[in-house]
Protein backbone atom coordinates (compact mmCIF):
# COMPACT_ATOMS: atom_id res chain seq x y z
CA MET A 1 -26.17 9.59 7.94
CA ALA A 2 -22.15 9.83 8.14
CA THR A 3 -20.45 12.96 9.10
CA ALA A 4 -17.67 14.49 7.22
CA SER A 5 -15.22 13.25 9.91
CA GLN A 6 -16.66 9.74 9.71
CA TRP A 7 -16.10 9.46 5.74
CA ILE A 8 -12.67 10.60 6.25
CA GLN A 9 -12.24 7.85 8.99
CA GLY A 10 -13.66 5.51 6.69
CA ALA A 11 -11.04 6.48 4.02
CA ARG A 12 -8.65 5.16 6.37
CA PRO A 13 -6.18 7.84 6.10
CA ARG A 14 -3.34 5.73 8.11
CA THR A 15 -3.06 3.68 4.86
CA LEU A 16 -2.18 6.95 2.78
CA PRO A 17 1.73 6.28 3.30
CA ASN A 18 1.02 3.03 1.25
CA ALA A 19 0.16 5.57 -1.62
CA VAL A 20 2.81 8.09 -1.10
CA ALA A 21 5.89 6.08 -0.37
CA PRO A 22 6.03 4.12 -3.73
CA VAL A 23 5.87 7.28 -5.74
CA VAL A 24 8.53 9.18 -3.42
CA ALA A 25 10.81 6.00 -4.15
CA GLY A 26 9.95 5.84 -7.76
CA VAL A 27 10.97 9.45 -7.96
CA GLY A 28 14.52 8.80 -6.24
CA ALA A 29 15.13 5.89 -8.76
CA ALA A 30 14.33 8.16 -11.45
CA LEU A 31 16.63 10.79 -10.63
CA HIS A 32 19.52 8.48 -9.95
CA GLY A 33 21.82 8.99 -13.03
CA SER A 34 19.11 11.21 -14.62
CA SER A 35 19.27 14.86 -15.62
CA TRP A 36 16.93 16.96 -13.52
CA ASP A 37 16.10 18.85 -16.45
CA ASP A 38 14.90 15.76 -18.25
CA PHE A 39 12.54 15.07 -15.26
CA SER A 40 8.81 15.53 -15.75
CA TRP A 41 7.44 16.67 -12.34
CA TRP A 42 3.77 17.14 -13.49
CA LYS A 43 3.96 13.45 -14.15
CA VAL A 44 4.71 12.77 -10.62
CA VAL A 45 2.05 14.71 -9.50
CA LEU A 46 -0.51 12.58 -11.70
CA ALA A 47 1.17 9.35 -10.48
CA LEU A 48 0.84 10.44 -6.78
CA ALA A 49 -3.00 11.30 -7.85
CA VAL A 50 -3.54 7.63 -9.24
CA SER A 51 -1.97 5.85 -6.32
CA MET A 52 -3.74 7.91 -3.85
CA SER A 53 -7.11 7.53 -5.47
CA LEU A 54 -6.78 3.94 -5.80
CA ILE A 55 -5.75 3.49 -2.25
CA ILE A 56 -8.85 5.39 -0.80
CA GLY A 57 -10.95 3.64 -3.45
CA VAL A 58 -9.65 0.28 -2.41
CA ASN A 59 -10.57 1.21 1.03
CA PHE A 60 -14.13 2.40 0.63
CA ALA A 61 -14.42 -0.96 -1.58
CA ASN A 62 -13.37 -3.22 1.24
CA ASP A 63 -15.71 -1.27 3.52
CA TYR A 64 -18.67 -1.83 1.04
CA SER A 65 -17.71 -5.60 0.26
CA ASP A 66 -17.14 -6.56 3.91
CA GLY A 67 -20.11 -4.65 5.16
CA VAL A 68 -22.47 -6.31 2.92
CA ARG A 69 -20.79 -9.78 3.59
CA GLY A 70 -21.08 -9.25 7.10
CA THR A 71 -17.29 -9.70 7.71
CA ASP A 72 -17.31 -6.28 9.70
CA ASP A 73 -19.99 -7.10 12.09
CA GLU A 74 -17.51 -7.75 15.05
CA ARG A 75 -14.80 -5.58 13.93
CA VAL A 76 -12.17 -4.16 16.34
CA GLY A 77 -10.36 -1.95 14.14
CA PRO A 78 -10.97 1.31 12.61
CA LEU A 79 -14.28 2.72 11.71
CA ARG A 80 -16.27 0.96 9.00
CA LEU A 81 -19.12 2.91 7.31
CA VAL A 82 -21.26 0.04 6.24
CA GLY A 83 -20.69 -2.43 8.86
CA SER A 84 -21.40 0.34 11.63
CA GLY A 85 -24.75 1.42 9.63
CA LEU A 86 -23.37 4.88 9.42
CA ALA A 87 -23.62 5.16 5.76
CA SER A 88 -25.43 3.14 3.13
CA PRO A 89 -23.73 0.23 1.06
CA GLY A 90 -24.71 2.17 -1.96
CA SER A 91 -23.04 5.60 -1.04
CA VAL A 92 -19.83 3.70 -0.17
CA LYS A 93 -19.57 1.80 -3.36
CA ALA A 94 -20.44 4.98 -5.23
CA ALA A 95 -17.53 6.49 -3.27
CA ALA A 96 -15.08 3.90 -4.42
CA PHE A 97 -15.87 4.14 -7.87
CA ILE A 98 -15.57 7.78 -7.79
CA CYS A 99 -11.93 7.50 -6.67
CA PHE A 100 -11.41 4.64 -9.27
CA GLY A 101 -12.57 7.08 -11.79
CA ILE A 102 -10.26 9.84 -10.68
CA GLY A 103 -7.47 7.64 -10.76
CA ALA A 104 -8.43 6.28 -14.26
CA VAL A 105 -8.46 9.81 -15.56
CA CYS A 106 -5.20 10.79 -14.14
CA GLY A 107 -3.85 7.37 -15.56
CA LEU A 108 -5.19 7.93 -18.96
CA VAL A 109 -3.49 11.36 -19.13
CA LEU A 110 -0.12 9.75 -18.16
CA ALA A 111 -0.75 6.93 -20.79
CA ILE A 112 -1.37 9.46 -23.61
CA ALA A 113 1.66 11.24 -22.68
CA THR A 114 3.94 8.03 -22.11
CA ALA A 115 2.91 4.69 -23.45
CA TRP A 116 -0.54 3.38 -24.58
CA TRP A 117 -0.08 0.00 -22.89
CA LEU A 118 -0.34 1.79 -19.22
CA VAL A 119 -4.09 1.63 -19.90
CA LEU A 120 -3.87 -1.91 -19.68
CA ILE A 121 -1.83 -2.01 -16.52
CA GLY A 122 -4.27 0.65 -15.12
CA ALA A 123 -7.37 -1.37 -15.78
CA VAL A 124 -5.67 -4.43 -14.17
CA CYS A 125 -4.78 -1.85 -11.01
CA ILE A 126 -8.62 -1.03 -10.82
CA ALA A 127 -9.67 -4.67 -11.32
CA GLY A 128 -7.37 -5.69 -8.43
CA ALA A 129 -8.52 -3.01 -6.38
CA TRP A 130 -12.21 -3.90 -6.62
CA PHE A 131 -11.85 -7.94 -6.69
CA TYR A 132 -9.75 -7.70 -3.68
CA THR A 133 -12.88 -8.09 -1.64
CA GLY A 134 -15.63 -7.66 -4.26
CA GLY A 135 -17.25 -10.01 -6.67
CA LYS A 136 -18.29 -13.63 -6.20
CA ARG A 137 -14.76 -14.96 -5.28
CA PRO A 138 -12.66 -12.22 -3.78
CA TYR A 139 -8.98 -12.90 -3.98
CA GLY A 140 -8.56 -11.17 -0.45
CA TYR A 141 -10.81 -14.08 0.78
CA ALA A 142 -8.30 -16.68 -0.20
CA GLY A 143 -4.88 -15.43 0.93
CA TRP A 144 -3.92 -13.55 -1.87
CA GLY A 145 -4.07 -9.80 -0.34
CA GLU A 146 -0.39 -9.51 0.41
CA VAL A 147 0.66 -10.47 -3.01
CA ALA A 148 -1.54 -7.92 -4.65
CA VAL A 149 -0.37 -5.24 -2.30
CA PHE A 150 3.39 -5.99 -3.07
CA THR A 151 2.44 -6.09 -6.70
CA PHE A 152 0.45 -2.96 -7.04
CA PHE A 153 1.79 -0.76 -4.40
CA GLY A 154 5.48 -2.16 -4.80
CA LEU A 155 6.44 -3.12 -8.13
CA VAL A 156 3.59 -1.26 -10.37
CA ALA A 157 3.77 2.09 -8.41
CA VAL A 158 7.64 2.21 -7.91
CA LEU A 159 8.55 1.06 -11.20
CA GLY A 160 5.47 2.96 -12.91
CA THR A 161 6.72 6.15 -11.66
CA GLN A 162 10.27 5.72 -12.58
CA PHE A 163 8.99 4.82 -16.12
CA VAL A 164 6.51 7.77 -16.62
CA THR A 165 9.12 10.20 -15.34
CA THR A 166 12.06 9.06 -17.17
CA GLY A 167 10.93 6.56 -19.88
CA ARG A 168 13.06 3.64 -18.24
CA ILE A 169 13.26 1.06 -15.47
CA ASP A 170 16.16 -0.39 -14.00
CA TRP A 171 17.62 -2.45 -11.06
CA VAL A 172 17.62 0.66 -8.66
CA GLY A 173 13.95 1.04 -9.26
CA LEU A 174 13.49 -2.65 -8.65
CA ALA A 175 15.24 -2.80 -5.34
CA CYS A 176 13.30 0.23 -4.03
CA ALA A 177 10.12 -1.43 -5.40
CA VAL A 178 10.88 -4.46 -3.40
CA GLY A 179 11.60 -2.59 -0.19
CA VAL A 180 8.46 -0.39 -0.32
CA GLY A 181 6.45 -3.54 -1.41
CA ALA A 182 7.59 -5.58 1.49
CA VAL A 183 6.60 -3.07 4.10
CA SER A 184 3.32 -2.15 2.27
CA SER A 185 2.41 -5.85 2.31
CA ALA A 186 3.52 -5.78 6.18
CA VAL A 187 0.75 -3.31 6.87
CA LEU A 188 -1.75 -5.71 5.60
CA VAL A 189 -0.10 -8.52 7.42
CA VAL A 190 -0.65 -6.87 10.91
CA ASN A 191 -3.90 -5.81 9.89
CA ASN A 192 -5.03 -9.44 9.19
CA LEU A 193 -3.27 -10.72 12.23
CA ARG A 194 -5.00 -8.56 14.41
CA ASP A 195 -8.42 -9.88 12.77
CA ILE A 196 -7.51 -13.50 12.63
CA PRO A 197 -10.37 -14.70 15.02
CA THR A 198 -13.29 -12.53 13.41
CA ASP A 199 -11.95 -13.51 9.93
CA ALA A 200 -12.07 -17.21 10.44
CA GLU A 201 -15.33 -17.09 11.69
CA SER A 202 -16.81 -15.14 8.98
CA GLY A 203 -14.82 -17.31 6.21
CA LYS A 204 -12.22 -14.79 5.38
CA ILE A 205 -9.24 -16.99 4.77
CA THR A 206 -6.51 -14.21 4.49
CA LEU A 207 -3.02 -15.36 4.78
CA ALA A 208 -2.58 -14.74 8.52
CA VAL A 209 -5.67 -17.20 8.93
CA ARG A 210 -3.73 -19.91 6.75
CA LEU A 211 -0.45 -19.30 8.53
CA GLY A 212 -1.80 -18.97 12.07
CA ASP A 213 -0.86 -16.24 14.80
CA ALA A 214 3.00 -17.39 15.22
CA ARG A 215 4.07 -17.78 11.78
CA THR A 216 2.28 -14.52 10.70
CA ARG A 217 4.34 -12.59 13.43
CA LEU A 218 7.52 -14.11 11.71
CA LEU A 219 6.30 -13.23 8.40
CA PHE A 220 5.73 -9.69 9.60
CA ALA A 221 9.26 -9.59 10.77
CA ALA A 222 10.78 -10.58 7.64
CA LEU A 223 8.75 -8.03 5.67
CA LEU A 224 10.04 -5.30 7.94
CA ALA A 225 13.49 -6.48 7.58
CA THR A 226 13.39 -6.27 3.73
CA PRO A 227 14.02 -2.43 3.21
CA LEU A 228 17.17 -2.53 5.32
CA VAL A 229 18.53 -5.26 3.17
CA MET A 230 17.62 -3.29 0.08
CA SER A 231 19.61 -0.30 1.45
CA LEU A 232 22.69 -2.65 1.48
CA VAL A 233 21.75 -3.56 -2.02
CA LEU A 234 21.29 0.04 -3.10
CA ALA A 235 24.54 0.96 -1.62
CA ILE A 236 26.14 -0.57 -4.72
CA ALA A 237 24.48 2.13 -6.79
CA THR A 238 25.73 4.83 -4.15
CA PRO A 239 27.15 4.45 -0.70
CA TRP A 240 24.55 7.25 0.22
CA ALA A 241 21.96 4.63 0.05
CA LEU A 242 23.01 3.20 3.55
CA VAL A 243 21.29 6.25 5.03
CA GLY A 244 18.22 4.20 4.74
CA LEU A 245 19.31 2.04 7.70
CA ILE A 246 18.24 5.01 9.93
CA ALA A 247 14.77 3.66 9.47
CA ALA A 248 15.66 0.84 11.55
CA PRO A 249 14.36 2.27 14.87
CA LEU A 250 11.14 3.10 13.18
CA LEU A 251 10.42 -0.47 11.85
CA TRP A 252 11.54 -1.65 15.36
CA GLN A 253 9.06 0.39 16.90
CA ALA A 254 6.39 -0.97 14.43
CA TYR A 255 7.63 -4.57 15.29
CA THR A 256 7.54 -4.37 19.16
CA PRO A 257 3.73 -4.80 19.68
CA VAL A 258 3.90 -7.92 17.35
CA ARG A 259 7.19 -9.15 18.92
CA THR A 260 5.65 -8.65 22.44
CA GLY A 261 2.51 -10.65 21.57
CA ALA A 262 -0.34 -7.79 21.32
CA GLN A 263 -3.80 -9.09 20.20
CA GLY A 264 -6.85 -7.45 18.73
CA PRO A 265 -6.86 -3.47 19.48
CA GLY A 266 -3.47 -3.77 20.83
CA LEU A 267 -1.89 -4.26 17.23
CA ILE A 268 -3.64 -1.18 15.81
CA PRO A 269 -0.50 1.08 16.85
CA SER A 270 1.53 -1.23 14.65
CA ILE A 271 -0.45 -0.43 11.62
CA GLY A 272 0.31 3.37 11.75
CA SER A 273 3.84 2.90 12.82
CA THR A 274 4.66 0.51 9.94
CA GLY A 275 3.14 3.07 7.43
CA LYS A 276 5.36 5.84 8.87
CA ALA A 277 8.40 3.40 8.64
CA MET A 278 7.60 2.87 5.28
CA LEU A 279 7.40 6.27 4.33
CA GLY A 280 10.65 7.38 6.26
CA TRP A 281 12.68 4.67 4.69
CA ALA A 282 11.22 5.82 0.95
CA VAL A 283 12.01 9.37 1.79
CA VAL A 284 15.50 8.97 2.85
CA THR A 285 16.37 6.44 0.38
CA ALA A 286 14.93 8.87 -2.52
CA VAL A 287 16.96 11.74 -1.16
CA ALA A 288 20.18 9.63 -1.11
CA LEU A 289 19.45 8.13 -4.80
CA ALA A 290 18.83 11.53 -6.20
CA LEU A 291 21.83 13.21 -4.67
CA GLY A 292 24.15 10.08 -5.24
């Protein structure tokens, strides 16, 4: 039986910045040019609950699906509950769907209070979370994982937060979404870079497996540079957005293991550092937009 601590590890708390950063960036985009009196803070709380429940749910879903397929048998990364035999596949699958259910309820409340068509987007998000590694033909095994992360934890999460809190989306929100989505995708890129040997052997053809080691490292660098470019773009809206450039040292720290050729477990620190850099950029950019 897995302990509470092991269940927490299985939820992969290092990925939580991927859920928090887009909501923070969306709040900043929403507050830019808006009245604080018209801002719906309770909707921010629900948006954060949706984002966090989905990412924890997808982590448990991946644990379950990869575990039953045998993909995690030789895993070198963080603890997996099913692959390690610490928890039954059924219990991990149930945990995933409990998280999806929490996200669905919170999303339904947002849809009722904002726009009915958000229910459709929420359904697509949950389906995307499950079929990433679940089902007969998981798209994560075909190299589409990074596109999904950019879409769901970049475009949808940031612009969705901006929309439910203010009733609008604009180019400022889009720039924030591109910046956050790129770094969120970078987390998956470095994770898959680490797992190229085992994924290729198990038939999990991720984007990293398709590109190979050298080109995956270049892709990672390009994704990390994207939020800095977005800071320059957002300076059109307010010069204060240039404060986002202070995230450069954090992004460089995340890039260092990849740049120096680290392999396997040596790449694990880069996963956490990338998440911290993303959250840092989102926070300072959101503050700049809110005050600008």
